[in-house]
């Protein structure tokens, strides 16, 4: 009998990107239920996805340098892999550190990105590539990593692992009183993607004036704390401030409780989308068609084309797919009126809210 295939996924970060990998895992598990799947992943990202069935997480600390890479290699050598190596490595991160780390993973097949998506010498660390399909969402590019294995990702299923106690915590944060909830996660780790606090406040006040509950959420960084304080101070209506109060396991449950999340291109955008919550995405620095909320772009405030024309001198259709336009002031292209219009599109599609 042929032994079950052994697969290794390498995607360390970030929160949104590892969320995009989950449908690929579902595809692999459905098509190859006997396969052994290991996933080399970052610490925070593992906390988010802990409990994902059928996956053996191998945590790698990006701060550990060469010592961490050597330790990872020793650990893989002790796993008793047939022939001492994985059947296939899916190298889904092109950053220099991830490329170098992949060299410490023994694998017969080393599947990486197509040439148009490669950088930082990615091609030196792989011996096969996914199909080159321009103009697709990041999630679909990740999903195509199963194609060299003879599979196709024909459906997108997340079903993130959210424990019952996380949902209990989320339910305790505000009552089920029938009022719709606008969640605001105001910060991306890329600061040039972030919107001005007074503009968040204006859209939040518009929603609150229509009977919506406004809930602030986010991590424990000083930037998120300061930004949230500035938003709340600029609002004329009250907001429930939960910034820094949830864990990564509670975050999906919290986002699941809202009707709409307003956020820049960020991890919470993609986690909310995976949980079925609609997203008012704020896009000028990044292209929503490539990295916006995968399931539904209708409620995005999109000024990416305006940004391309202003900062790059040509329309978005004429620049390389995936170009980031992270310039000072780029997010100022999104006016308060754009945010309110996106919010009202949601209300129009969901009468009674």
C-alpha atoms as a PDB file:
ATOM      1  CA  UNK A   1       0.000   0.000   0.000  1.00  0.00           C
ATOM      2  CA  UNK A   2       1.313   3.437  -0.937  1.00  0.00           C
ATOM      3  CA  UNK A   3       2.000   5.539   2.182  1.00  0.00           C
ATOM      4  CA  UNK A   4      -0.143   8.599   2.821  1.00  0.00           C
ATOM      5  CA  UNK A   5       1.373  11.756   1.322  1.00  0.00           C
ATOM      6  CA  UNK A   6       3.248  14.111   3.625  1.00  0.00           C
ATOM      7  CA  UNK A   7       2.796  17.821   2.971  1.00  0.00           C
ATOM      8  CA  UNK A   8       4.417  20.836   4.576  1.00  0.00           C
ATOM      9  CA  UNK A   9       2.912  24.318   4.289  1.00  0.00           C
ATOM     10  CA  UNK A  10       5.112  27.341   4.924  1.00  0.00           C
ATOM     11  CA  UNK A  11       3.255  30.579   5.604  1.00  0.00           C
ATOM     12  CA  UNK A  12       4.465  32.389   8.693  1.00  0.00           C
ATOM     13  CA  UNK A  13       2.397  35.559   8.605  1.00  0.00           C
ATOM     14  CA  UNK A  14       0.364  37.718   8.670  1.00  0.00           C
ATOM     15  CA  UNK A  15      -3.045  37.186  10.279  1.00  0.00           C
ATOM     16  CA  UNK A  16      -4.994  37.964   7.124  1.00  0.00           C
ATOM     17  CA  UNK A  17      -2.742  35.857   4.930  1.00  0.00           C
ATOM     18  CA  UNK A  18      -2.893  32.765   7.118  1.00  0.00           C
ATOM     19  CA  UNK A  19      -6.670  33.146   7.068  1.00  0.00           C
ATOM     20  CA  UNK A  20      -6.416  32.884   3.267  1.00  0.00           C
ATOM     21  CA  UNK A  21      -4.573  29.566   3.653  1.00  0.00           C
ATOM     22  CA  UNK A  22      -7.381  27.895   5.607  1.00  0.00           C
ATOM     23  CA  UNK A  23      -9.560  27.192   2.513  1.00  0.00           C
ATOM     24  CA  UNK A  24      -6.530  25.523   0.908  1.00  0.00           C
ATOM     25  CA  UNK A  25      -6.190  23.303   3.979  1.00  0.00           C
ATOM     26  CA  UNK A  26      -9.890  22.412   3.673  1.00  0.00           C
ATOM     27  CA  UNK A  27      -9.368  21.532   0.006  1.00  0.00           C
ATOM     28  CA  UNK A  28      -6.348  19.349   0.777  1.00  0.00           C
ATOM     29  CA  UNK A  29      -8.078  17.555   3.661  1.00  0.00           C
ATOM     30  CA  UNK A  30     -11.198  16.850   1.591  1.00  0.00           C
ATOM     31  CA  UNK A  31      -9.272  15.486  -1.397  1.00  0.00           C
ATOM     32  CA  UNK A  32      -6.503  13.712   0.551  1.00  0.00           C
ATOM     33  CA  UNK A  33      -8.035  12.781   3.935  1.00  0.00           C
ATOM     34  CA  UNK A  34      -5.134  10.467   4.783  1.00  0.00           C
ATOM     35  CA  UNK A  35      -2.459  13.068   4.056  1.00  0.00           C
ATOM     36  CA  UNK A  36      -0.201  14.294   6.829  1.00  0.00           C
ATOM     37  CA  UNK A  37      -0.183  18.103   6.838  1.00  0.00           C
ATOM     38  CA  UNK A  38       2.371  20.152   8.782  1.00  0.00           C
ATOM     39  CA  UNK A  39       2.246  23.954   8.743  1.00  0.00           C
ATOM     40  CA  UNK A  40       5.227  26.131   9.660  1.00  0.00           C
ATOM     41  CA  UNK A  41       3.636  29.274  11.075  1.00  0.00           C
ATOM     42  CA  UNK A  42       4.292  32.327  13.259  1.00  0.00           C
ATOM     43  CA  UNK A  43       3.431  32.497  16.947  1.00  0.00           C
ATOM     44  CA  UNK A  44       0.445  34.862  16.820  1.00  0.00           C
ATOM     45  CA  UNK A  45      -0.879  33.241  13.679  1.00  0.00           C
ATOM     46  CA  UNK A  46      -0.793  29.863  15.388  1.00  0.00           C
ATOM     47  CA  UNK A  47      -2.801  31.243  18.302  1.00  0.00           C
ATOM     48  CA  UNK A  48      -5.462  32.421  15.872  1.00  0.00           C
ATOM     49  CA  UNK A  49      -5.745  29.053  14.103  1.00  0.00           C
ATOM     50  CA  UNK A  50      -5.033  26.665  16.987  1.00  0.00           C
ATOM     51  CA  UNK A  51      -7.498  23.796  16.788  1.00  0.00           C
ATOM     52  CA  UNK A  52      -7.651  23.641  12.996  1.00  0.00           C
ATOM     53  CA  UNK A  53      -8.299  19.969  12.526  1.00  0.00           C
ATOM     54  CA  UNK A  54      -5.954  17.795  10.541  1.00  0.00           C
ATOM     55  CA  UNK A  55      -2.993  20.174  10.809  1.00  0.00           C
ATOM     56  CA  UNK A  56       0.185  19.784  12.828  1.00  0.00           C
ATOM     57  CA  UNK A  57       1.429  23.313  13.521  1.00  0.00           C
ATOM     58  CA  UNK A  58       5.168  23.925  13.766  1.00  0.00           C
ATOM     59  CA  UNK A  59       5.751  27.308  15.344  1.00  0.00           C
ATOM     60  CA  UNK A  60       8.671  29.407  14.161  1.00  0.00           C
ATOM     61  CA  UNK A  61       9.762  32.582  15.918  1.00  0.00           C
ATOM     62  CA  UNK A  62      10.935  35.082  13.316  1.00  0.00           C
ATOM     63  CA  UNK A  63      13.246  36.639  15.899  1.00  0.00           C
ATOM     64  CA  UNK A  64      15.163  33.399  16.471  1.00  0.00           C
ATOM     65  CA  UNK A  65      17.387  33.797  13.396  1.00  0.00           C
ATOM     66  CA  UNK A  66      19.808  31.069  12.347  1.00  0.00           C
ATOM     67  CA  UNK A  67      19.469  29.238  15.647  1.00  0.00           C
ATOM     68  CA  UNK A  68      15.723  28.954  15.169  1.00  0.00           C
ATOM     69  CA  UNK A  69      16.143  27.711  11.604  1.00  0.00           C
ATOM     70  CA  UNK A  70      18.591  25.036  12.693  1.00  0.00           C
ATOM     71  CA  UNK A  71      16.301  24.011  15.547  1.00  0.00           C
ATOM     72  CA  UNK A  72      13.410  23.718  13.126  1.00  0.00           C
ATOM     73  CA  UNK A  73      15.510  21.492  10.868  1.00  0.00           C
ATOM     74  CA  UNK A  74      16.448  19.237  13.772  1.00  0.00           C
ATOM     75  CA  UNK A  75      12.800  18.982  14.772  1.00  0.00           C
ATOM     76  CA  UNK A  76      11.749  18.032  11.278  1.00  0.00           C
ATOM     77  CA  UNK A  77      14.479  15.377  11.182  1.00  0.00           C
ATOM     78  CA  UNK A  78      12.981  13.747  14.262  1.00  0.00           C
ATOM     79  CA  UNK A  79       9.514  13.370  12.731  1.00  0.00           C
ATOM     80  CA  UNK A  80      10.218  10.024  11.064  1.00  0.00           C
ATOM     81  CA  UNK A  81       9.287  11.196   7.585  1.00  0.00           C
ATOM     82  CA  UNK A  82       9.365   8.489   4.904  1.00  0.00           C
ATOM     83  CA  UNK A  83      12.695   8.884   3.155  1.00  0.00           C
ATOM     84  CA  UNK A  84      13.573  11.646   5.604  1.00  0.00           C
ATOM     85  CA  UNK A  85      11.646  14.302   3.691  1.00  0.00           C
ATOM     86  CA  UNK A  86       8.164  15.626   2.934  1.00  0.00           C
ATOM     87  CA  UNK A  87       6.603  14.638  -0.359  1.00  0.00           C
ATOM     88  CA  UNK A  88       5.900  18.315  -1.050  1.00  0.00           C
ATOM     89  CA  UNK A  89       6.608  21.708   0.467  1.00  0.00           C
ATOM     90  CA  UNK A  90       4.126  24.456  -0.386  1.00  0.00           C
ATOM     91  CA  UNK A  91       6.255  27.593  -0.028  1.00  0.00           C
ATOM     92  CA  UNK A  92       3.574  30.287   0.168  1.00  0.00           C
ATOM     93  CA  UNK A  93       5.626  33.241   1.385  1.00  0.00           C
ATOM     94  CA  UNK A  94       8.144  35.065  -0.787  1.00  0.00           C
ATOM     95  CA  UNK A  95       9.819  37.250   1.847  1.00  0.00           C
ATOM     96  CA  UNK A  96      13.579  36.726   2.179  1.00  0.00           C
ATOM     97  CA  UNK A  97      13.370  35.199   5.672  1.00  0.00           C
ATOM     98  CA  UNK A  98      10.707  32.700   4.614  1.00  0.00           C
ATOM     99  CA  UNK A  99      12.648  31.777   1.486  1.00  0.00           C
ATOM    100  CA  UNK A 100      15.757  31.093   3.543  1.00  0.00           C
ATOM    101  CA  UNK A 101      13.781  29.155   6.148  1.00  0.00           C
ATOM    102  CA  UNK A 102      12.355  26.950   3.406  1.00  0.00           C
ATOM    103  CA  UNK A 103      15.872  25.718   2.648  1.00  0.00           C
ATOM    104  CA  UNK A 104      15.837  24.009   6.055  1.00  0.00           C
ATOM    105  CA  UNK A 105      12.727  21.996   5.128  1.00  0.00           C
ATOM    106  CA  UNK A 106      13.568  18.643   3.445  1.00  0.00           C
ATOM    107  CA  UNK A 107      11.094  18.041   0.618  1.00  0.00           C
ATOM    108  CA  UNK A 108      11.121  16.256  -2.734  1.00  0.00           C
ATOM    109  CA  UNK A 109       8.797  18.717  -4.434  1.00  0.00           C
ATOM    110  CA  UNK A 110       9.194  22.392  -3.587  1.00  0.00           C
ATOM    111  CA  UNK A 111       6.213  24.313  -4.937  1.00  0.00           C
ATOM    112  CA  UNK A 112       6.391  28.102  -5.046  1.00  0.00           C
ATOM    113  CA  UNK A 113       4.839  31.131  -6.702  1.00  0.00           C
ATOM    114  CA  UNK A 114       4.848  31.864 -10.411  1.00  0.00           C
ATOM    115  CA  UNK A 115       7.571  34.207 -11.640  1.00  0.00           C
ATOM    116  CA  UNK A 116       5.375  37.308 -11.645  1.00  0.00           C
ATOM    117  CA  UNK A 117       4.771  36.950  -7.901  1.00  0.00           C
ATOM    118  CA  UNK A 118       8.319  35.930  -6.997  1.00  0.00           C
ATOM    119  CA  UNK A 119      10.803  38.172  -5.214  1.00  0.00           C
ATOM    120  CA  UNK A 120      13.761  37.972  -2.831  1.00  0.00           C
ATOM    121  CA  UNK A 121      15.301  35.060  -4.818  1.00  0.00           C
ATOM    122  CA  UNK A 122      12.194  32.937  -4.303  1.00  0.00           C
ATOM    123  CA  UNK A 123      12.920  30.929  -7.467  1.00  0.00           C
ATOM    124  CA  UNK A 124      16.164  29.584  -6.007  1.00  0.00           C
ATOM    125  CA  UNK A 125      14.267  27.765  -3.261  1.00  0.00           C
ATOM    126  CA  UNK A 126      11.573  26.018  -5.337  1.00  0.00           C
ATOM    127  CA  UNK A 127      11.549  23.492  -8.161  1.00  0.00           C
ATOM    128  CA  UNK A 128       7.911  23.858  -9.244  1.00  0.00           C
ATOM    129  CA  UNK A 129       5.579  26.839  -9.570  1.00  0.00           C
ATOM    130  CA  UNK A 130       1.859  27.504  -9.385  1.00  0.00           C
ATOM    131  CA  UNK A 131       0.082  28.681 -12.563  1.00  0.00           C
ATOM    132  CA  UNK A 132       0.623  32.312 -13.527  1.00  0.00           C
ATOM    133  CA  UNK A 133      -2.837  33.870 -13.421  1.00  0.00           C
ATOM    134  CA  UNK A 134      -2.685  37.671 -13.343  1.00  0.00           C
ATOM    135  CA  UNK A 135      -5.390  39.763 -11.768  1.00  0.00           C
ATOM    136  CA  UNK A 136      -6.603  37.339  -9.104  1.00  0.00           C
ATOM    137  CA  UNK A 137      -7.190  37.748  -5.381  1.00  0.00           C
ATOM    138  CA  UNK A 138      -4.466  36.711  -2.950  1.00  0.00           C
ATOM    139  CA  UNK A 139      -6.714  33.941  -1.634  1.00  0.00           C
ATOM    140  CA  UNK A 140      -7.122  32.469  -5.116  1.00  0.00           C
ATOM    141  CA  UNK A 141      -3.363  32.572  -5.684  1.00  0.00           C
ATOM    142  CA  UNK A 142      -2.833  30.665  -2.441  1.00  0.00           C
ATOM    143  CA  UNK A 143      -5.625  28.272  -3.383  1.00  0.00           C
ATOM    144  CA  UNK A 144      -3.821  27.391  -6.610  1.00  0.00           C
ATOM    145  CA  UNK A 145      -0.975  25.780  -4.624  1.00  0.00           C
ATOM    146  CA  UNK A 146      -2.970  22.556  -4.732  1.00  0.00           C
ATOM    147  CA  UNK A 147      -2.919  22.446  -8.544  1.00  0.00           C
ATOM    148  CA  UNK A 148       0.588  20.984  -8.951  1.00  0.00           C
ATOM    149  CA  UNK A 149      -0.728  18.182  -6.716  1.00  0.00           C
ATOM    150  CA  UNK A 150      -3.468  17.445  -9.248  1.00  0.00           C
ATOM    151  CA  UNK A 151      -6.254  19.222  -7.318  1.00  0.00           C
ATOM    152  CA  UNK A 152      -8.409  22.324  -7.794  1.00  0.00           C
ATOM    153  CA  UNK A 153      -9.884  24.595  -5.153  1.00  0.00           C
ATOM    154  CA  UNK A 154     -13.461  24.753  -6.407  1.00  0.00           C
ATOM    155  CA  UNK A 155     -15.043  26.048  -3.202  1.00  0.00           C
ATOM    156  CA  UNK A 156     -13.844  28.366  -0.469  1.00  0.00           C
ATOM    157  CA  UNK A 157     -14.547  27.157   3.066  1.00  0.00           C
ATOM    158  CA  UNK A 158     -13.037  28.728   6.188  1.00  0.00           C
ATOM    159  CA  UNK A 159     -14.858  27.373   9.254  1.00  0.00           C
ATOM    160  CA  UNK A 160     -12.238  28.946  11.529  1.00  0.00           C
ATOM    161  CA  UNK A 161     -11.710  27.114  14.833  1.00  0.00           C
ATOM    162  CA  UNK A 162     -13.551  29.267  17.377  1.00  0.00           C
ATOM    163  CA  UNK A 163     -13.950  27.691  20.829  1.00  0.00           C
ATOM    164  CA  UNK A 164     -17.238  27.910  22.703  1.00  0.00           C
ATOM    165  CA  UNK A 165     -15.765  30.018  25.507  1.00  0.00           C
ATOM    166  CA  UNK A 166     -14.627  32.622  22.960  1.00  0.00           C
ATOM    167  CA  UNK A 167     -18.180  32.933  21.674  1.00  0.00           C
ATOM    168  CA  UNK A 168     -19.461  33.157  25.257  1.00  0.00           C
ATOM    169  CA  UNK A 169     -17.052  36.038  25.898  1.00  0.00           C
ATOM    170  CA  UNK A 170     -18.187  37.825  22.736  1.00  0.00           C
ATOM    171  CA  UNK A 171     -21.856  37.410  23.633  1.00  0.00           C
ATOM    172  CA  UNK A 172     -21.215  38.978  27.032  1.00  0.00           C
ATOM    173  CA  UNK A 173     -19.829  42.238  25.590  1.00  0.00           C
ATOM    174  CA  UNK A 174     -23.180  43.741  24.560  1.00  0.00           C
ATOM    175  CA  UNK A 175     -26.816  42.677  24.773  1.00  0.00           C
ATOM    176  CA  UNK A 176     -28.834  41.088  22.001  1.00  0.00           C
ATOM    177  CA  UNK A 177     -31.237  44.016  21.906  1.00  0.00           C
ATOM    178  CA  UNK A 178     -31.848  44.123  18.168  1.00  0.00           C
ATOM    179  CA  UNK A 179     -29.593  47.113  17.472  1.00  0.00           C
ATOM    180  CA  UNK A 180     -27.216  46.493  14.550  1.00  0.00           C
ATOM    181  CA  UNK A 181     -23.520  46.798  15.345  1.00  0.00           C
ATOM    182  CA  UNK A 182     -20.808  48.664  13.463  1.00  0.00           C
ATOM    183  CA  UNK A 183     -17.395  47.360  14.492  1.00  0.00           C
ATOM    184  CA  UNK A 184     -14.368  49.554  13.863  1.00  0.00           C
ATOM    185  CA  UNK A 185     -10.849  48.089  13.759  1.00  0.00           C
ATOM    186  CA  UNK A 186      -9.006  51.252  12.777  1.00  0.00           C
ATOM    187  CA  UNK A 187      -5.392  50.200  12.281  1.00  0.00           C
ATOM    188  CA  UNK A 188      -3.352  48.187   9.838  1.00  0.00           C
ATOM    189  CA  UNK A 189       0.210  47.202  10.686  1.00  0.00           C
ATOM    190  CA  UNK A 190       1.088  49.246   7.582  1.00  0.00           C
ATOM    191  CA  UNK A 191       0.528  52.718   9.016  1.00  0.00           C
ATOM    192  CA  UNK A 192       0.224  54.391   5.614  1.00  0.00           C
ATOM    193  CA  UNK A 193      -2.979  52.381   5.064  1.00  0.00           C
ATOM    194  CA  UNK A 194      -4.652  53.959   8.097  1.00  0.00           C
ATOM    195  CA  UNK A 195      -7.447  56.532   7.934  1.00  0.00           C
ATOM    196  CA  UNK A 196      -7.716  59.713   9.982  1.00  0.00           C
ATOM    197  CA  UNK A 197      -9.445  59.320  13.382  1.00  0.00           C
ATOM    198  CA  UNK A 198     -11.858  62.205  12.770  1.00  0.00           C
ATOM    199  CA  UNK A 199     -13.068  60.515   9.587  1.00  0.00           C
ATOM    200  CA  UNK A 200     -13.756  57.261  11.407  1.00  0.00           C
ATOM    201  CA  UNK A 201     -15.608  59.315  14.015  1.00  0.00           C
ATOM    202  CA  UNK A 202     -17.783  61.011  11.404  1.00  0.00           C
ATOM    203  CA  UNK A 203     -18.904  57.706   9.876  1.00  0.00           C
ATOM    204  CA  UNK A 204     -19.396  56.212  13.339  1.00  0.00           C
ATOM    205  CA  UNK A 205     -21.581  59.155  14.392  1.00  0.00           C
ATOM    206  CA  UNK A 206     -23.616  58.780  11.209  1.00  0.00           C
ATOM    207  CA  UNK A 207     -24.251  55.132  12.070  1.00  0.00           C
ATOM    208  CA  UNK A 208     -24.972  55.849  15.730  1.00  0.00           C
ATOM    209  CA  UNK A 209     -27.469  58.537  14.738  1.00  0.00           C
ATOM    210  CA  UNK A 210     -29.389  55.842  12.863  1.00  0.00           C
ATOM    211  CA  UNK A 211     -29.582  53.597  15.923  1.00  0.00           C
ATOM    212  CA  UNK A 212     -26.455  51.502  15.360  1.00  0.00           C
ATOM    213  CA  UNK A 213     -24.199  50.405  18.180  1.00  0.00           C
ATOM    214  CA  UNK A 214     -20.550  51.358  17.581  1.00  0.00           C
ATOM    215  CA  UNK A 215     -17.887  49.001  18.944  1.00  0.00           C
ATOM    216  CA  UNK A 216     -14.152  49.714  18.775  1.00  0.00           C
ATOM    217  CA  UNK A 217     -11.857  46.700  18.537  1.00  0.00           C
ATOM    218  CA  UNK A 218      -8.173  46.081  17.973  1.00  0.00           C
ATOM    219  CA  UNK A 219      -4.943  44.912  19.508  1.00  0.00           C
ATOM    220  CA  UNK A 220      -2.726  46.101  22.317  1.00  0.00           C
ATOM    221  CA  UNK A 221      -0.296  48.316  20.416  1.00  0.00           C
ATOM    222  CA  UNK A 222       0.139  51.938  21.410  1.00  0.00           C
ATOM    223  CA  UNK A 223      -0.895  52.994  17.908  1.00  0.00           C
ATOM    224  CA  UNK A 224      -4.224  51.220  18.225  1.00  0.00           C
ATOM    225  CA  UNK A 225      -4.776  52.649  21.691  1.00  0.00           C
ATOM    226  CA  UNK A 226      -3.987  56.206  20.624  1.00  0.00           C
ATOM    227  CA  UNK A 227      -6.024  55.963  17.416  1.00  0.00           C
ATOM    228  CA  UNK A 228      -9.039  54.596  19.259  1.00  0.00           C
ATOM    229  CA  UNK A 229      -8.825  57.301  21.913  1.00  0.00           C
ATOM    230  CA  UNK A 230      -8.757  59.940  19.183  1.00  0.00           C
ATOM    231  CA  UNK A 231     -11.794  58.431  17.434  1.00  0.00           C
ATOM    232  CA  UNK A 232     -13.847  58.199  20.615  1.00  0.00           C
ATOM    233  CA  UNK A 233     -12.889  61.753  21.602  1.00  0.00           C
ATOM    234  CA  UNK A 234     -14.021  63.063  18.216  1.00  0.00           C
ATOM    235  CA  UNK A 235     -17.397  61.294  18.337  1.00  0.00           C
ATOM    236  CA  UNK A 236     -20.569  62.940  19.609  1.00  0.00           C
ATOM    237  CA  UNK A 237     -22.186  59.548  20.308  1.00  0.00           C
ATOM    238  CA  UNK A 238     -20.866  56.900  22.718  1.00  0.00           C
ATOM    239  CA  UNK A 239     -18.900  53.873  21.567  1.00  0.00           C
ATOM    240  CA  UNK A 240     -18.098  50.598  23.302  1.00  0.00           C
ATOM    241  CA  UNK A 241     -14.308  50.406  23.580  1.00  0.00           C
ATOM    242  CA  UNK A 242     -12.994  46.825  23.458  1.00  0.00           C
ATOM    243  CA  UNK A 243      -9.559  47.647  22.057  1.00  0.00           C
ATOM    244  CA  UNK A 244      -6.919  45.444  23.661  1.00  0.00           C
ATOM    245  CA  UNK A 245      -9.497  43.439  25.619  1.00  0.00           C
ATOM    246  CA  UNK A 246      -9.847  40.350  23.425  1.00  0.00           C
ATOM    247  CA  UNK A 247      -7.474  37.528  22.603  1.00  0.00           C
ATOM    248  CA  UNK A 248      -6.693  36.202  19.142  1.00  0.00           C
ATOM    249  CA  UNK A 249      -9.072  33.291  19.781  1.00  0.00           C
ATOM    250  CA  UNK A 250     -11.819  35.712  20.863  1.00  0.00           C
ATOM    251  CA  UNK A 251     -11.328  38.090  17.926  1.00  0.00           C
ATOM    252  CA  UNK A 252     -13.175  35.950  15.337  1.00  0.00           C
ATOM    253  CA  UNK A 253     -16.090  35.514  17.737  1.00  0.00           C
ATOM    254  CA  UNK A 254     -16.182  39.261  18.359  1.00  0.00           C
ATOM    255  CA  UNK A 255     -16.121  40.073  14.647  1.00  0.00           C
ATOM    256  CA  UNK A 256     -18.820  37.478  14.037  1.00  0.00           C
ATOM    257  CA  UNK A 257     -21.254  39.408  16.250  1.00  0.00           C
ATOM    258  CA  UNK A 258     -21.155  42.591  14.172  1.00  0.00           C
ATOM    259  CA  UNK A 259     -23.186  43.343  11.076  1.00  0.00           C
ATOM    260  CA  UNK A 260     -20.444  45.447   9.486  1.00  0.00           C
ATOM    261  CA  UNK A 261     -16.731  46.022  10.146  1.00  0.00           C
ATOM    262  CA  UNK A 262     -15.043  49.269   9.074  1.00  0.00           C
ATOM    263  CA  UNK A 263     -11.289  48.817   8.670  1.00  0.00           C
ATOM    264  CA  UNK A 264      -8.355  49.427   6.353  1.00  0.00           C
ATOM    265  CA  UNK A 265      -6.648  46.517   4.576  1.00  0.00           C
ATOM    266  CA  UNK A 266      -5.763  44.492   7.676  1.00  0.00           C
ATOM    267  CA  UNK A 267      -5.939  41.119   9.365  1.00  0.00           C
ATOM    268  CA  UNK A 268      -9.332  41.809  10.993  1.00  0.00           C
ATOM    269  CA  UNK A 269     -10.754  42.567   7.521  1.00  0.00           C
ATOM    270  CA  UNK A 270     -10.027  39.022   6.377  1.00  0.00           C
ATOM    271  CA  UNK A 271     -10.952  37.354   9.663  1.00  0.00           C
ATOM    272  CA  UNK A 272     -14.318  39.144   9.651  1.00  0.00           C
ATOM    273  CA  UNK A 273     -14.906  38.083   6.058  1.00  0.00           C
ATOM    274  CA  UNK A 274     -14.085  34.479   6.986  1.00  0.00           C
ATOM    275  CA  UNK A 275     -16.640  34.681   9.807  1.00  0.00           C
ATOM    276  CA  UNK A 276     -19.371  35.910   7.471  1.00  0.00           C
ATOM    277  CA  UNK A 277     -19.397  39.564   8.569  1.00  0.00           C
ATOM    278  CA  UNK A 278     -19.601  42.207   5.855  1.00  0.00           C
ATOM    279  CA  UNK A 279     -16.701  44.634   5.586  1.00  0.00           C
ATOM    280  CA  UNK A 280     -16.561  48.361   4.871  1.00  0.00           C
ATOM    281  CA  UNK A 281     -13.003  48.237   3.600  1.00  0.00           C
ATOM    282  CA  UNK A 282     -10.996  51.433   3.202  1.00  0.00           C
ATOM    283  CA  UNK A 283      -8.823  51.125   0.108  1.00  0.00           C
ATOM    284  CA  UNK A 284      -6.501  53.651  -1.481  1.00  0.00           C
ATOM    285  CA  UNK A 285      -3.058  52.220  -0.707  1.00  0.00           C
ATOM    286  CA  UNK A 286      -4.050  48.707  -1.837  1.00  0.00           C
ATOM    287  CA  UNK A 287      -6.288  47.222  -4.495  1.00  0.00           C
ATOM    288  CA  UNK A 288      -9.485  45.701  -3.062  1.00  0.00           C
ATOM    289  CA  UNK A 289      -9.772  43.341  -6.035  1.00  0.00           C
ATOM    290  CA  UNK A 290      -6.469  41.794  -4.958  1.00  0.00           C
ATOM    291  CA  UNK A 291      -6.540  42.063  -1.165  1.00  0.00           C
ATOM    292  CA  UNK A 292      -9.982  43.267  -0.114  1.00  0.00           C
ATOM    293  CA  UNK A 293     -12.678  41.237   1.674  1.00  0.00           C
ATOM    294  CA  UNK A 294     -12.801  38.140  -0.526  1.00  0.00           C
ATOM    295  CA  UNK A 295     -16.497  37.303  -0.365  1.00  0.00           C
ATOM    296  CA  UNK A 296     -18.021  40.725  -0.934  1.00  0.00           C
ATOM    297  CA  UNK A 297     -16.466  43.971  -2.169  1.00  0.00           C
ATOM    298  CA  UNK A 298     -19.728  45.909  -2.411  1.00  0.00           C
ATOM    299  CA  UNK A 299     -19.190  47.921   0.746  1.00  0.00           C
ATOM    300  CA  UNK A 300     -15.602  49.004   0.162  1.00  0.00           C
ATOM    301  CA  UNK A 301     -14.668  52.676  -0.150  1.00  0.00           C
ATOM    302  CA  UNK A 302     -12.310  52.350  -3.102  1.00  0.00           C
ATOM    303  CA  UNK A 303      -9.949  55.154  -4.172  1.00  0.00           C
ATOM    304  CA  UNK A 304      -7.165  52.903  -5.435  1.00  0.00           C
ATOM    305  CA  UNK A 305      -7.476  54.135  -9.029  1.00  0.00           C
ATOM    306  CA  UNK A 306      -7.374  57.748  -7.838  1.00  0.00           C
ATOM    307  CA  UNK A 307      -4.229  56.924  -5.861  1.00  0.00           C
ATOM    308  CA  UNK A 308      -2.576  55.341  -8.902  1.00  0.00           C
ATOM    309  CA  UNK A 309      -3.320  58.397 -11.022  1.00  0.00           C
ATOM    310  CA  UNK A 310      -2.127  60.857  -8.369  1.00  0.00           C
ATOM    311  CA  UNK A 311       1.025  59.109  -7.149  1.00  0.00           C
ATOM    312  CA  UNK A 312       2.050  56.939 -10.108  1.00  0.00           C
ATOM    313  CA  UNK A 313       0.758  59.015 -12.995  1.00  0.00           C
ATOM    314  CA  UNK A 314      -1.362  56.298 -14.590  1.00  0.00           C
ATOM    315  CA  UNK A 315      -4.653  54.483 -13.949  1.00  0.00           C
ATOM    316  CA  UNK A 316      -4.709  51.337 -11.836  1.00  0.00           C
ATOM    317  CA  UNK A 317      -5.330  49.233 -14.947  1.00  0.00           C
ATOM    318  CA  UNK A 318      -1.879  50.214 -16.234  1.00  0.00           C
ATOM    319  CA  UNK A 319       0.206  49.423 -13.142  1.00  0.00           C
ATOM    320  CA  UNK A 320       1.503  46.040 -12.024  1.00  0.00           C
ATOM    321  CA  UNK A 321      -1.078  43.890 -10.265  1.00  0.00           C
ATOM    322  CA  UNK A 322      -0.575  44.035  -6.532  1.00  0.00           C
ATOM    323  CA  UNK A 323       1.247  47.387  -6.506  1.00  0.00           C
ATOM    324  CA  UNK A 324       1.048  49.006  -3.068  1.00  0.00           C
ATOM    325  CA  UNK A 325       0.615  52.788  -3.169  1.00  0.00           C
ATOM    326  CA  UNK A 326       1.729  53.472   0.378  1.00  0.00           C
ATOM    327  CA  UNK A 327       2.497  57.186   0.175  1.00  0.00           C
ATOM    328  CA  UNK A 328       2.008  59.857   2.818  1.00  0.00           C
ATOM    329  CA  UNK A 329      -1.529  61.150   2.542  1.00  0.00           C
ATOM    330  CA  UNK A 330      -2.817  58.463   0.193  1.00  0.00           C
ATOM    331  CA  UNK A 331      -5.663  57.499   2.532  1.00  0.00           C
ATOM    332  CA  UNK A 332      -6.856  61.120   2.556  1.00  0.00           C
ATOM    333  CA  UNK A 333      -8.228  60.365  -0.902  1.00  0.00           C
ATOM    334  CA  UNK A 334     -11.029  58.515   0.901  1.00  0.00           C
ATOM    335  CA  UNK A 335     -13.454  61.206   2.044  1.00  0.00           C
ATOM    336  CA  UNK A 336     -15.938  60.916   4.893  1.00  0.00           C
ATOM    337  CA  UNK A 337     -18.641  60.924   2.233  1.00  0.00           C
ATOM    338  CA  UNK A 338     -17.093  57.784   0.702  1.00  0.00           C
ATOM    339  CA  UNK A 339     -17.330  55.978   4.029  1.00  0.00           C
ATOM    340  CA  UNK A 340     -20.918  57.084   4.587  1.00  0.00           C
ATOM    341  CA  UNK A 341     -21.875  56.092   1.041  1.00  0.00           C
ATOM    342  CA  UNK A 342     -20.415  52.608   1.597  1.00  0.00           C
ATOM    343  CA  UNK A 343     -22.304  52.333   4.880  1.00  0.00           C
ATOM    344  CA  UNK A 344     -25.527  53.367   3.176  1.00  0.00           C
ATOM    345  CA  UNK A 345     -24.990  50.757   0.449  1.00  0.00           C
ATOM    346  CA  UNK A 346     -24.963  48.160   3.181  1.00  0.00           C
ATOM    347  CA  UNK A 347     -28.166  49.559   4.707  1.00  0.00           C
ATOM    348  CA  UNK A 348     -29.856  49.609   1.306  1.00  0.00           C
ATOM    349  CA  UNK A 349     -29.057  45.915   0.854  1.00  0.00           C
ATOM    350  CA  UNK A 350     -30.184  45.064   4.378  1.00  0.00           C
ATOM    351  CA  UNK A 351     -33.514  46.823   5.012  1.00  0.00           C
ATOM    352  CA  UNK A 352     -34.411  47.450   8.608  1.00  0.00           C
ATOM    353  CA  UNK A 353     -30.850  48.130   9.712  1.00  0.00           C
END
